[in-house]
C-alpha atoms as a PDB file:
ATOM      1  CA  MET A   1       9.189 -65.472  30.139  1.00  0.00           C
ATOM      2  CA  ILE A   2      10.448 -61.883  29.834  1.00  0.00           C
ATOM      3  CA  VAL A   3      13.836 -61.081  31.350  1.00  0.00           C
ATOM      4  CA  LYS A   4      14.521 -57.443  32.223  1.00  0.00           C
ATOM      5  CA  PRO A   5      18.054 -56.114  31.832  1.00  0.00           C
ATOM      6  CA  GLU A   6      19.785 -55.169  35.061  1.00  0.00           C
ATOM      7  CA  THR A   7      20.581 -51.640  33.912  1.00  0.00           C
ATOM      8  CA  PRO A   8      18.318 -49.604  31.638  1.00  0.00           C
ATOM      9  CA  GLY A   9      19.605 -47.955  28.474  1.00  0.00           C
ATOM     10  CA  GLY A  10      22.559 -48.749  26.296  1.00  0.00           C
ATOM     11  CA  PRO A  11      26.137 -49.511  27.188  1.00  0.00           C
ATOM     12  CA  SER A  12      27.908 -46.998  29.408  1.00  0.00           C
ATOM     13  CA  VAL A  13      30.294 -44.438  27.931  1.00  0.00           C
ATOM     14  CA  SER A  14      33.893 -44.586  29.118  1.00  0.00           C
ATOM     15  CA  ALA A  15      35.509 -41.636  30.870  1.00  0.00           C
ATOM     16  CA  GLU A  16      38.036 -41.372  28.025  1.00  0.00           C
ATOM     17  CA  VAL A  17      35.283 -40.907  25.430  1.00  0.00           C
ATOM     18  CA  ILE A  18      33.530 -38.319  27.609  1.00  0.00           C
ATOM     19  CA  ALA A  19      36.835 -36.437  27.970  1.00  0.00           C
ATOM     20  CA  LEU A  20      37.338 -36.574  24.196  1.00  0.00           C
ATOM     21  CA  ILE A  21      33.835 -35.190  23.553  1.00  0.00           C
ATOM     22  CA  ARG A  22      34.465 -32.339  25.999  1.00  0.00           C
ATOM     23  CA  LYS A  23      37.882 -31.584  24.524  1.00  0.00           C
ATOM     24  CA  MET A  24      36.514 -31.531  20.963  1.00  0.00           C
ATOM     25  CA  SER A  25      33.617 -29.251  21.908  1.00  0.00           C
ATOM     26  CA  GLN A  26      35.923 -26.827  23.730  1.00  0.00           C
ATOM     27  CA  ALA A  27      38.477 -26.757  20.910  1.00  0.00           C
ATOM     28  CA  ASN A  28      35.770 -26.274  18.268  1.00  0.00           C
ATOM     29  CA  PRO A  29      33.010 -24.099  19.772  1.00  0.00           C
ATOM     30  CA  ARG A  30      31.156 -23.803  16.445  1.00  0.00           C
ATOM     31  CA  TRP A  31      30.828 -27.568  16.051  1.00  0.00           C
ATOM     32  CA  GLY A  32      27.545 -29.035  17.167  1.00  0.00           C
ATOM     33  CA  ALA A  33      26.710 -32.551  18.242  1.00  0.00           C
ATOM     34  CA  PRO A  34      26.189 -33.795  14.652  1.00  0.00           C
ATOM     35  CA  ARG A  35      29.693 -32.719  13.603  1.00  0.00           C
ATOM     36  CA  ILE A  36      31.434 -34.152  16.679  1.00  0.00           C
ATOM     37  CA  HIS A  37      29.377 -37.334  16.349  1.00  0.00           C
ATOM     38  CA  GLY A  38      30.525 -37.690  12.744  1.00  0.00           C
ATOM     39  CA  GLU A  39      34.169 -37.193  13.668  1.00  0.00           C
ATOM     40  CA  LEU A  40      33.894 -39.795  16.444  1.00  0.00           C
ATOM     41  CA  LEU A  41      32.330 -42.264  13.998  1.00  0.00           C
ATOM     42  CA  LYS A  42      35.308 -41.744  11.666  1.00  0.00           C
ATOM     43  CA  LEU A  43      37.593 -42.574  14.598  1.00  0.00           C
ATOM     44  CA  GLY A  44      35.695 -45.806  15.227  1.00  0.00           C
ATOM     45  CA  PHE A  45      33.590 -44.846  18.243  1.00  0.00           C
ATOM     46  CA  GLU A  46      30.011 -46.096  18.092  1.00  0.00           C
ATOM     47  CA  LEU A  47      27.712 -43.908  20.143  1.00  0.00           C
ATOM     48  CA  SER A  48      24.601 -41.881  19.430  1.00  0.00           C
ATOM     49  CA  GLU A  49      24.414 -38.208  18.581  1.00  0.00           C
ATOM     50  CA  ALA A  50      22.255 -37.729  21.690  1.00  0.00           C
ATOM     51  CA  THR A  51      25.082 -39.120  23.828  1.00  0.00           C
ATOM     52  CA  VAL A  52      27.527 -36.672  22.259  1.00  0.00           C
ATOM     53  CA  ASP A  53      25.094 -33.812  22.922  1.00  0.00           C
ATOM     54  CA  LYS A  54      24.697 -34.922  26.525  1.00  0.00           C
ATOM     55  CA  TYR A  55      28.422 -34.671  27.287  1.00  0.00           C
ATOM     56  CA  MET A  56      29.307 -31.567  25.235  1.00  0.00           C
ATOM     57  CA  VAL A  57      30.562 -28.418  26.936  1.00  0.00           C
ATOM     58  CA  ARG A  58      28.003 -25.654  26.590  1.00  0.00           C
ATOM     59  CA  HIS A  59      29.291 -22.296  25.402  1.00  0.00           C
ATOM     60  CA  ARG A  60      27.033 -19.790  27.069  1.00  0.00           C
ATOM     61  CA  LYS A  61      26.561 -16.269  25.831  1.00  0.00           C
ATOM     62  CA  PRO A  62      26.215 -13.516  28.420  1.00  0.00           C
ATOM     63  CA  SER A  63      22.661 -12.350  28.959  1.00  0.00           C
ATOM     64  CA  ALA A  64      21.439  -9.022  27.624  1.00  0.00           C
ATOM     65  CA  SER A  65      21.359  -7.508  31.111  1.00  0.00           C
ATOM     66  CA  ALA A  66      24.942  -8.616  31.755  1.00  0.00           C
ATOM     67  CA  LYS A  67      26.033  -6.973  28.514  1.00  0.00           C
ATOM     68  CA  ALA A  68      24.327  -3.710  29.471  1.00  0.00           C
ATOM     69  CA  THR A  69      26.012  -3.531  32.877  1.00  0.00           C
ATOM     70  CA  SER A  70      29.447  -4.656  31.703  1.00  0.00           C
ATOM     71  CA  GLY A  71      29.970  -1.611  29.515  1.00  0.00           C
ATOM     72  CA  ALA A  72      29.787  -3.539  26.266  1.00  0.00           C
ATOM     73  CA  LYS A  73      28.381  -0.483  24.517  1.00  0.00           C
ATOM     74  CA  LYS A  74      30.472   2.542  25.305  1.00  0.00           C
ATOM     75  CA  ARG A  75      29.145   5.874  24.272  1.00  0.00           C
ATOM     76  CA  THR A  76      31.550   8.301  22.710  1.00  0.00           C
ATOM     77  CA  PRO A  77      31.031  12.004  23.245  1.00  0.00           C
ATOM     78  CA  ARG A  78      29.555  13.840  20.286  1.00  0.00           C
ATOM     79  CA  VAL A  79      31.778  16.367  18.648  1.00  0.00           C
ATOM     80  CA  GLU A  80      29.912  19.359  17.306  1.00  0.00           C
END
């Protein structure tokens, strides 16, 4: 007889851990999921790297068209 679990997937992640993942990713924008995952393992949290990636804050770069219209490249007049 096969018994199916009531909820699919692994154990749920607490709100405190999610907040910690978000705080770490905001404070360290160059850290990726592997680095944050490693730091959480050192602190004693057992969760997957995919879970860390799922809850990280994404640092989005402005699109090329947004850069062009925002005046990112300012032209200086040529002096002759």
